N, C-alpha and C. Protein backbone atom coordinates (compact mmCIF):
# COMPACT_ATOMS: atom_id res chain seq x y z
N THR A 1 0.67 -1.30 0.19
CA THR A 1 0.16 -0.30 -0.21
C THR A 1 0.71 1.09 0.19
N ALA A 2 0.29 2.27 0.18
CA ALA A 2 0.92 3.54 -0.35
C ALA A 2 1.77 4.14 0.77
N VAL A 3 1.12 3.46 2.14
CA VAL A 3 1.65 3.88 3.72
C VAL A 3 2.87 3.31 3.92
N VAL A 4 2.82 1.77 3.61
CA VAL A 4 4.55 1.27 3.67
C VAL A 4 4.79 1.86 2.83
N ASP A 5 4.60 1.79 1.21
CA ASP A 5 5.69 2.65 0.28
C ASP A 5 6.09 3.29 0.61
N LYS A 6 5.50 4.85 1.38
CA LYS A 6 6.29 5.71 1.96
C LYS A 6 7.13 5.53 3.14
N PHE A 7 6.69 4.06 3.70
CA PHE A 7 7.46 4.09 5.12
C PHE A 7 9.40 3.51 4.66
N TRP A 8 8.81 3.03 3.17
CA TRP A 8 10.22 1.99 2.82
C TRP A 8 11.22 3.09 2.17
N THR A 9 10.63 4.03 1.72
CA THR A 9 11.51 4.96 0.90
C THR A 9 11.94 5.96 1.47
N GLY A 10 11.54 5.88 3.44
CA GLY A 10 11.89 6.81 4.10
C GLY A 10 11.34 8.63 4.08
N GLU A 11 10.03 8.56 3.22
CA GLU A 11 9.14 9.76 2.83
C GLU A 11 8.71 10.02 4.37
N THR A 12 8.75 10.79 4.93
CA THR A 12 7.71 11.46 6.57
C THR A 12 6.08 12.00 6.28
N LEU A 13 5.48 11.09 6.84
CA LEU A 13 3.79 11.92 7.05
C LEU A 13 3.78 12.99 7.48
N LYS A 14 3.33 13.73 6.47
CA LYS A 14 2.98 15.46 6.57
C LYS A 14 1.03 16.00 7.05
N SER A 15 0.47 14.98 7.04
CA SER A 15 -0.60 15.38 7.54
C SER A 15 -1.56 14.29 8.47
N LEU A 16 -2.53 14.97 9.59
CA LEU A 16 -3.40 14.05 10.13
C LEU A 16 -4.24 13.15 9.62
N GLY A 17 -4.43 13.43 8.23
CA GLY A 17 -4.66 11.85 7.10
C GLY A 17 -4.40 11.07 7.26
N SER A 18 -2.96 12.04 7.45
CA SER A 18 -2.23 10.10 7.15
C SER A 18 -1.84 9.35 8.22
N LEU A 19 -2.39 9.56 9.19
CA LEU A 19 -2.30 9.12 10.65
C LEU A 19 -3.45 7.99 10.56
N SER A 20 -4.61 8.65 10.02
CA SER A 20 -5.67 7.88 9.61
C SER A 20 -5.51 6.45 8.59
N ALA A 21 -4.32 6.97 8.00
CA ALA A 21 -4.05 5.72 6.77
C ALA A 21 -3.17 4.75 7.36
N VAL A 22 -2.26 5.38 8.52
CA VAL A 22 -1.31 4.42 9.09
C VAL A 22 -2.10 2.94 9.86
N SER A 23 -3.24 4.23 10.63
CA SER A 23 -4.12 3.56 11.31
C SER A 23 -5.01 2.64 11.13
N ALA A 24 -5.43 3.12 9.72
CA ALA A 24 -6.06 1.69 9.39
C ALA A 24 -5.16 0.32 8.60
N GLU A 25 -3.92 0.48 8.37
CA GLU A 25 -3.23 -0.31 8.19
C GLU A 25 -2.93 -1.15 9.25
N PHE A 26 -2.51 -0.71 10.45
CA PHE A 26 -2.31 -1.45 11.67
C PHE A 26 -3.36 -2.30 11.94
N ILE A 27 -4.84 -1.35 11.69
CA ILE A 27 -6.17 -2.31 12.40
C ILE A 27 -6.03 -3.66 11.39
N LYS A 28 -5.49 -3.39 10.13
CA LYS A 28 -5.48 -5.11 8.96
C LYS A 28 -4.68 -5.79 9.40
N MET A 29 -3.75 -5.44 10.05
CA MET A 29 -2.12 -5.93 9.89
C MET A 29 -2.40 -6.72 11.02
N ALA A 30 -3.22 -6.31 12.08
CA ALA A 30 -3.21 -7.03 13.62
C ALA A 30 -3.81 -8.61 13.53
N PRO A 31 -5.12 -8.35 12.69
CA PRO A 31 -5.17 -10.37 13.00
C PRO A 31 -4.46 -11.11 11.75
N GLN A 32 -3.53 -10.72 10.94
CA GLN A 32 -2.91 -11.49 10.38
C GLN A 32 -1.73 -11.69 11.08
N VAL A 33 -0.86 -10.85 11.82
CA VAL A 33 0.15 -10.94 12.66
C VAL A 33 -0.65 -11.82 13.79
N LEU A 34 -1.50 -11.90 14.30
CA LEU A 34 -2.04 -12.69 15.66
C LEU A 34 -2.18 -14.03 15.26
N SER A 35 -2.29 -14.01 13.93
CA SER A 35 -3.04 -15.55 13.63
C SER A 35 -1.68 -16.30 12.64
N GLU A 36 -0.91 -15.73 12.77
CA GLU A 36 0.71 -16.56 12.30
C GLU A 36 1.02 -17.29 13.37
N LYS A 37 0.77 -18.31 12.94
CA LYS A 37 1.12 -19.31 14.05
C LYS A 37 2.79 -19.71 14.62
N SER A 38 3.40 -19.39 13.39
CA SER A 38 5.02 -19.37 13.68
C SER A 38 5.59 -18.52 14.87
N PHE A 39 4.92 -16.92 14.35
CA PHE A 39 5.22 -16.09 15.13
C PHE A 39 4.54 -16.33 16.44
N ILE A 40 3.87 -16.74 17.17
CA ILE A 40 3.24 -17.02 18.08
C ILE A 40 4.08 -18.03 18.99
N ASP A 41 4.29 -18.80 18.08
CA ASP A 41 5.18 -20.00 19.06
C ASP A 41 6.68 -19.63 18.90
N LYS A 42 7.08 -18.27 18.39
CA LYS A 42 8.12 -18.13 18.72
C LYS A 42 8.44 -17.06 19.77
N VAL A 43 7.23 -16.09 20.22
CA VAL A 43 6.80 -15.77 20.99
C VAL A 43 6.44 -16.19 22.61
N LYS A 44 6.07 -17.51 22.31
CA LYS A 44 5.62 -18.71 23.69
C LYS A 44 7.22 -19.53 23.58
N SER A 45 8.24 -19.46 22.87
CA SER A 45 9.24 -20.25 22.85
C SER A 45 10.38 -19.38 23.68
N LEU A 46 10.32 -17.84 23.89
CA LEU A 46 10.82 -16.95 24.45
C LEU A 46 10.73 -17.28 25.63
N LYS A 47 9.06 -17.36 26.71
CA LYS A 47 8.55 -17.84 27.83
C LYS A 47 9.23 -16.51 28.49
N PRO A 48 8.11 -15.41 27.92
CA PRO A 48 8.49 -14.06 28.82
C PRO A 48 7.86 -14.24 30.00
N ASP A 49 8.30 -13.47 30.99
CA ASP A 49 7.58 -12.97 32.05
C ASP A 49 6.20 -11.97 32.39
N LEU A 50 7.02 -10.85 31.14
CA LEU A 50 6.14 -9.74 30.85
C LEU A 50 6.28 -9.44 29.58
N ILE A 51 5.17 -9.12 29.40
CA ILE A 51 4.98 -8.25 27.64
C ILE A 51 4.80 -7.29 27.78
N VAL A 52 5.74 -5.93 27.07
CA VAL A 52 5.27 -4.74 27.34
C VAL A 52 4.93 -4.02 26.03
N VAL A 53 3.16 -3.65 26.00
CA VAL A 53 2.64 -3.53 24.87
C VAL A 53 2.88 -1.76 24.37
N GLU A 54 2.96 -1.60 23.43
CA GLU A 54 3.08 0.17 23.42
C GLU A 54 1.91 0.60 23.05
N SER A 55 1.61 1.62 23.95
CA SER A 55 -0.01 2.23 24.01
C SER A 55 -0.15 3.03 23.33
N VAL A 56 0.16 2.93 21.83
CA VAL A 56 -0.21 4.16 20.75
C VAL A 56 -1.79 3.84 20.24
N PRO A 57 -2.53 4.72 19.89
CA PRO A 57 -3.86 4.50 18.82
C PRO A 57 -3.60 3.12 17.64
N PHE A 58 -2.64 3.37 17.23
CA PHE A 58 -2.39 2.46 16.37
C PHE A 58 -2.09 1.02 16.70
N ASN A 59 -1.77 0.67 17.62
CA ASN A 59 -1.06 -0.72 18.19
C ASN A 59 -1.77 -1.38 19.09
N MET A 60 -3.07 -0.73 19.17
CA MET A 60 -3.78 -1.39 21.21
C MET A 60 -4.37 -2.77 20.46
N ASN A 61 -4.57 -3.23 18.90
CA ASN A 61 -5.15 -4.05 18.82
C ASN A 61 -3.82 -5.52 19.28
N MET A 62 -2.83 -5.03 19.62
CA MET A 62 -1.45 -6.19 20.13
C MET A 62 -1.80 -6.49 21.72
N VAL A 63 -2.93 -5.93 22.28
CA VAL A 63 -2.83 -6.03 23.26
C VAL A 63 -3.49 -7.24 23.58
N VAL A 64 -3.94 -8.11 22.78
CA VAL A 64 -4.88 -9.10 22.66
C VAL A 64 -3.40 -10.36 22.68
N LEU A 65 -2.29 -10.07 21.93
CA LEU A 65 -1.27 -11.04 21.65
C LEU A 65 -0.71 -11.53 23.85
N PRO A 66 -0.61 -10.89 24.55
CA PRO A 66 -0.86 -11.61 25.81
C PRO A 66 -1.58 -12.00 26.79
N TYR A 67 -2.72 -11.60 25.92
CA TYR A 67 -4.11 -12.54 26.67
C TYR A 67 -3.91 -14.15 25.60
N MET A 68 -3.68 -14.05 24.58
CA MET A 68 -3.63 -15.16 23.96
C MET A 68 -2.60 -15.94 24.41
N LEU A 69 -1.64 -15.65 25.40
CA LEU A 69 -0.47 -16.11 25.71
C LEU A 69 -0.61 -16.72 27.33
N ASP A 70 -1.74 -15.90 27.68
CA ASP A 70 -1.57 -15.76 29.10
C ASP A 70 -0.50 -15.51 29.70
N ILE A 71 0.28 -13.91 29.44
CA ILE A 71 1.23 -13.94 30.03
C ILE A 71 1.01 -12.04 30.87
N PRO A 72 1.33 -11.58 32.01
CA PRO A 72 0.94 -10.45 32.06
C PRO A 72 1.76 -9.40 31.52
N PHE A 73 0.95 -8.58 31.18
CA PHE A 73 1.27 -7.10 30.22
C PHE A 73 1.33 -5.80 30.83
N ALA A 74 2.48 -5.31 30.45
CA ALA A 74 2.45 -3.69 31.35
C ALA A 74 1.96 -3.09 29.49
N LEU A 75 1.66 -1.45 29.71
CA LEU A 75 1.34 -0.79 28.66
C LEU A 75 2.31 0.52 28.97
N ILE A 76 3.17 0.58 27.54
CA ILE A 76 3.91 1.78 27.62
C ILE A 76 3.48 3.12 26.65
N GLY A 77 3.61 4.15 27.05
CA GLY A 77 3.09 5.13 25.86
C GLY A 77 2.51 6.36 26.25
N THR A 78 2.07 7.24 25.08
CA THR A 78 1.23 8.63 25.61
C THR A 78 -0.04 8.24 25.42
N PHE A 79 -0.74 7.41 25.03
CA PHE A 79 -1.75 7.02 24.98
C PHE A 79 -2.42 6.07 25.58
N HIS A 80 -3.33 5.98 26.45
CA HIS A 80 -3.82 4.77 27.29
C HIS A 80 -5.73 4.88 27.58
N ASP A 81 -5.73 3.80 26.41
CA ASP A 81 -7.20 3.68 26.43
C ASP A 81 -7.94 2.60 27.16
N VAL A 82 -8.32 2.52 28.39
CA VAL A 82 -8.37 1.60 29.56
C VAL A 82 -9.54 0.63 28.68
N VAL A 83 -10.19 1.02 28.10
CA VAL A 83 -11.36 0.04 27.55
C VAL A 83 -10.51 -0.61 26.33
N GLN A 84 -10.09 0.10 25.66
CA GLN A 84 -9.18 -0.65 24.05
C GLN A 84 -8.74 -1.50 24.57
N SER A 85 -8.01 -1.26 25.72
CA SER A 85 -6.86 -2.26 26.10
C SER A 85 -7.04 -3.30 27.22
N LYS A 86 -8.29 -3.51 27.41
CA LYS A 86 -9.12 -4.46 28.06
C LYS A 86 -8.45 -4.33 29.68
N VAL A 87 -8.26 -3.40 30.21
CA VAL A 87 -7.95 -4.11 31.39
C VAL A 87 -8.59 -3.37 32.49
N PRO A 88 -9.18 -3.65 33.49
CA PRO A 88 -10.20 -3.27 34.83
C PRO A 88 -9.60 -2.02 35.05
N PHE A 89 -10.64 -1.04 35.14
CA PHE A 89 -10.61 0.40 35.95
C PHE A 89 -11.78 0.60 36.48
N SER A 90 -12.13 1.92 37.38
CA SER A 90 -13.18 2.31 38.15
C SER A 90 -13.25 3.38 37.44
N PRO A 91 -14.21 3.69 36.65
CA PRO A 91 -14.65 5.35 36.29
C PRO A 91 -15.12 6.34 37.09
N GLY A 92 -14.95 5.48 38.65
CA GLY A 92 -14.91 6.71 39.73
C GLY A 92 -14.42 7.36 40.08
N THR A 93 -13.36 6.34 39.76
CA THR A 93 -11.54 7.11 40.56
C THR A 93 -10.55 7.01 39.59
N THR A 94 -10.89 6.83 38.45
CA THR A 94 -9.71 7.14 37.41
C THR A 94 -10.25 7.73 36.34
N PRO A 95 -10.33 9.67 36.39
CA PRO A 95 -10.68 10.16 35.16
C PRO A 95 -9.91 9.91 33.83
N PHE A 96 -11.24 9.84 32.81
CA PHE A 96 -10.67 9.48 31.52
C PHE A 96 -10.10 10.43 30.88
N PRO A 97 -9.20 10.32 29.98
CA PRO A 97 -8.48 11.57 29.50
C PRO A 97 -8.86 12.66 28.82
N THR A 98 -10.12 11.75 27.64
CA THR A 98 -11.06 12.91 27.39
C THR A 98 -11.98 13.78 28.06
N ASP A 99 -11.90 13.23 29.45
CA ASP A 99 -13.25 13.85 30.00
C ASP A 99 -12.56 15.38 30.72
N ASP A 100 -13.48 16.37 31.18
CA ASP A 100 -13.06 17.41 31.97
C ASP A 100 -12.77 17.12 33.39
N TRP A 101 -13.04 15.64 33.91
CA TRP A 101 -13.10 15.54 35.11
C TRP A 101 -11.24 15.52 35.60
N SER A 102 -11.29 15.53 36.94
CA SER A 102 -9.89 15.35 37.20
C SER A 102 -9.93 14.76 38.62
N ASP A 103 -8.54 14.53 39.26
CA ASP A 103 -8.91 13.37 40.40
C ASP A 103 -8.72 14.44 41.81
N ASN A 104 -9.19 15.84 41.79
CA ASN A 104 -9.88 16.73 42.46
C ASN A 104 -11.31 17.03 42.29
N MET A 105 -12.01 15.82 42.16
CA MET A 105 -13.46 16.28 41.89
C MET A 105 -14.25 16.71 43.20
N THR A 106 -15.69 16.96 43.24
CA THR A 106 -16.90 17.36 44.30
C THR A 106 -16.96 15.76 44.40
N PHE A 107 -18.00 15.78 45.30
CA PHE A 107 -18.73 14.20 45.83
C PHE A 107 -19.97 14.03 44.37
N PHE A 108 -20.70 15.04 44.17
CA PHE A 108 -21.15 15.21 43.18
C PHE A 108 -20.87 15.31 41.44
N GLN A 109 -19.44 15.33 41.67
CA GLN A 109 -19.02 15.72 40.10
C GLN A 109 -19.08 14.20 39.88
């Protein structure tokens, strides 16, 4: 695809619209990567104690990998969507990044 070709030729993405194309490519690639038996077997053979998953919007589908292998995982990155990453959270105590709430709220907030 055009996005992959630009990456390999060293061209940079210059617009926000390009990020949408990158995100679409990652979404298409995730099922292929996660269904690749040889890849899964290689990860299993490493016997990792922990898998670190980058928490960027394009890559959140990869959070399925540690669940598939029953391996604990940690998220690292600048974006954290607790719903999409399938981790337990309490909306009553953890402000969601896109909301106007903070950790200093009144009882009624």
